[in-house]
C-alpha atoms as a PDB file:
ATOM      1  CA  MET A   1     -10.072  23.473  -3.623  1.00  0.00           C
ATOM      2  CA  THR A   2     -12.137  20.322  -3.192  1.00  0.00           C
ATOM      3  CA  ASN A   3     -14.957  19.037  -5.312  1.00  0.00           C
ATOM      4  CA  LYS A   4     -17.871  17.787  -3.142  1.00  0.00           C
ATOM      5  CA  GLN A   5     -19.627  16.119  -6.081  1.00  0.00           C
ATOM      6  CA  ASN A   6     -16.639  13.939  -7.030  1.00  0.00           C
ATOM      7  CA  PRO A   7     -14.643  13.245  -3.853  1.00  0.00           C
ATOM      8  CA  ALA A   8     -12.111  10.906  -5.579  1.00  0.00           C
ATOM      9  CA  PRO A   9     -12.278   8.060  -3.048  1.00  0.00           C
ATOM     10  CA  PHE A  10      -9.367   5.843  -2.100  1.00  0.00           C
ATOM     11  CA  ASP A  11      -9.089   2.614  -4.085  1.00  0.00           C
ATOM     12  CA  LYS A  12      -9.752  -0.457  -1.887  1.00  0.00           C
ATOM     13  CA  MET A  13      -6.758  -2.350  -3.248  1.00  0.00           C
ATOM     14  CA  MET A  14      -4.490   0.635  -2.523  1.00  0.00           C
ATOM     15  CA  ILE A  15      -5.603   0.562   1.112  1.00  0.00           C
ATOM     16  CA  ILE A  16      -5.010  -3.206   1.307  1.00  0.00           C
ATOM     17  CA  ARG A  17      -1.539  -2.934  -0.290  1.00  0.00           C
ATOM     18  CA  THR A  18      -0.571  -0.063   1.999  1.00  0.00           C
ATOM     19  CA  THR A  19      -1.778  -1.902   5.119  1.00  0.00           C
ATOM     20  CA  ILE A  20       0.092  -5.088   4.197  1.00  0.00           C
ATOM     21  CA  LEU A  21       3.200  -3.064   3.404  1.00  0.00           C
ATOM     22  CA  LEU A  22       3.074  -1.301   6.775  1.00  0.00           C
ATOM     23  CA  LEU A  23       2.591  -4.623   8.602  1.00  0.00           C
ATOM     24  CA  ALA A  24       5.522  -6.152   6.727  1.00  0.00           C
ATOM     25  CA  TRP A  25       7.785  -3.219   7.583  1.00  0.00           C
ATOM     26  CA  ILE A  26       6.715  -3.235  11.245  1.00  0.00           C
ATOM     27  CA  ASN A  27       7.380  -6.966  11.403  1.00  0.00           C
ATOM     28  CA  GLN A  28      10.790  -6.490   9.746  1.00  0.00           C
ATOM     29  CA  PHE A  29      11.709  -3.781  12.257  1.00  0.00           C
ATOM     30  CA  LEU A  30      10.650  -5.934  15.212  1.00  0.00           C
ATOM     31  CA  VAL A  31      12.649  -8.911  13.897  1.00  0.00           C
ATOM     32  CA  MET A  32      15.707  -6.689  13.539  1.00  0.00           C
ATOM     33  CA  LYS A  33      15.274  -5.623  17.188  1.00  0.00           C
ATOM     34  CA  GLY A  34      15.007  -9.249  18.348  1.00  0.00           C
ATOM     35  CA  TYR A  35      11.249  -9.552  18.836  1.00  0.00           C
ATOM     36  CA  LYS A  36       8.937 -12.067  17.180  1.00  0.00           C
ATOM     37  CA  ALA A  37       5.934 -10.184  15.816  1.00  0.00           C
ATOM     38  CA  LEU A  38       4.746 -12.928  13.501  1.00  0.00           C
ATOM     39  CA  PRO A  39       5.265 -16.626  14.259  1.00  0.00           C
ATOM     40  CA  ILE A  40       8.106 -16.840  11.713  1.00  0.00           C
ATOM     41  CA  THR A  41      11.497 -17.638  13.149  1.00  0.00           C
ATOM     42  CA  ASN A  42      13.670 -17.245  10.073  1.00  0.00           C
ATOM     43  CA  GLU A  43      14.758 -13.656   9.418  1.00  0.00           C
ATOM     44  CA  ASP A  44      15.341 -14.445   5.751  1.00  0.00           C
ATOM     45  CA  ILE A  45      11.672 -15.321   5.288  1.00  0.00           C
ATOM     46  CA  THR A  46      10.528 -12.037   6.821  1.00  0.00           C
ATOM     47  CA  PHE A  47      13.003 -10.164   4.641  1.00  0.00           C
ATOM     48  CA  ILE A  48      11.677 -11.873   1.508  1.00  0.00           C
ATOM     49  CA  ILE A  49       8.072 -11.153   2.528  1.00  0.00           C
ATOM     50  CA  THR A  50       8.918  -7.488   3.149  1.00  0.00           C
ATOM     51  CA  LEU A  51      10.783  -7.231  -0.144  1.00  0.00           C
ATOM     52  CA  LEU A  52       7.958  -8.803  -2.162  1.00  0.00           C
ATOM     53  CA  ILE A  53       5.244  -6.669  -0.527  1.00  0.00           C
ATOM     54  CA  SER A  54       7.368  -3.551  -1.054  1.00  0.00           C
ATOM     55  CA  ILE A  55       7.789  -4.318  -4.749  1.00  0.00           C
ATOM     56  CA  TRP A  56       4.072  -5.111  -5.079  1.00  0.00           C
ATOM     57  CA  ALA A  57       3.052  -1.859  -3.373  1.00  0.00           C
ATOM     58  CA  TRP A  58       5.561   0.149  -5.410  1.00  0.00           C
ATOM     59  CA  TRP A  59       4.582  -1.463  -8.715  1.00  0.00           C
ATOM     60  CA  LYS A  60       0.900  -0.711  -8.296  1.00  0.00           C
ATOM     61  CA  ASN A  61       0.517   3.006  -8.862  1.00  0.00           C
ATOM     62  CA  ASN A  62      -0.944   4.054  -5.522  1.00  0.00           C
ATOM     63  CA  ASP A  63      -2.881   7.288  -5.732  1.00  0.00           C
ATOM     64  CA  VAL A  64      -2.233   8.701  -2.282  1.00  0.00           C
ATOM     65  CA  ARG A  65      -2.429  12.417  -3.044  1.00  0.00           C
ATOM     66  CA  TYR A  66      -5.837  14.023  -3.620  1.00  0.00           C
ATOM     67  CA  LYS A  67      -4.890  15.293  -7.076  1.00  0.00           C
ATOM     68  CA  ALA A  68      -3.849  11.799  -8.233  1.00  0.00           C
ATOM     69  CA  ARG A  69      -7.070  10.239  -6.873  1.00  0.00           C
ATOM     70  CA  ARG A  70      -9.122  12.968  -8.560  1.00  0.00           C
ATOM     71  CA  ASN A  71      -7.368  12.400 -11.893  1.00  0.00           C
ATOM     72  CA  THR A  72      -7.846   8.631 -11.638  1.00  0.00           C
ATOM     73  CA  GLN A  73     -11.526   9.134 -10.842  1.00  0.00           C
ATOM     74  CA  TYR A  74     -11.800  11.482 -13.822  1.00  0.00           C
ATOM     75  CA  LEU A  75     -10.359   8.804 -16.110  1.00  0.00           C
ATOM     76  CA  LYS A  76     -12.621   6.100 -14.641  1.00  0.00           C
ATOM     77  CA  ASP A  77     -15.723   8.281 -15.055  1.00  0.00           C
ATOM     78  CA  ARG A  78     -14.949   8.644 -18.758  1.00  0.00           C
ATOM     79  CA  GLY A  79     -14.096   4.958 -19.238  1.00  0.00           C
ATOM     80  CA  LEU A  80     -10.424   5.650 -19.934  1.00  0.00           C
ATOM     81  CA  LYS A  81      -9.080   3.606 -17.054  1.00  0.00           C
END
C-alpha cells in the first residue's frame, strides 16, 4: 500500500553514499583481479578507501526500504528528525 501524497523520497546523501560505496567495491574487485580501474597503483590504498567508505555508508542509517523512508519522512514532517 503506497501513499501518493507522501511518497517518502530517497535522501540525496544516501544516494551519494551508496554510489561511492558501489564504486569503491567495484574498484576493489577490479584491483583484486589485476585491473587498474582508478589511477591508484597501491592495493593497500584502495583497500583503505573501500574500508572507510564502507564504514561511512554503514554508519549513516540508510533508509533503503520504502517503510524506513516513509517513517523517516513522517518524523521529518513533524520536526522530530
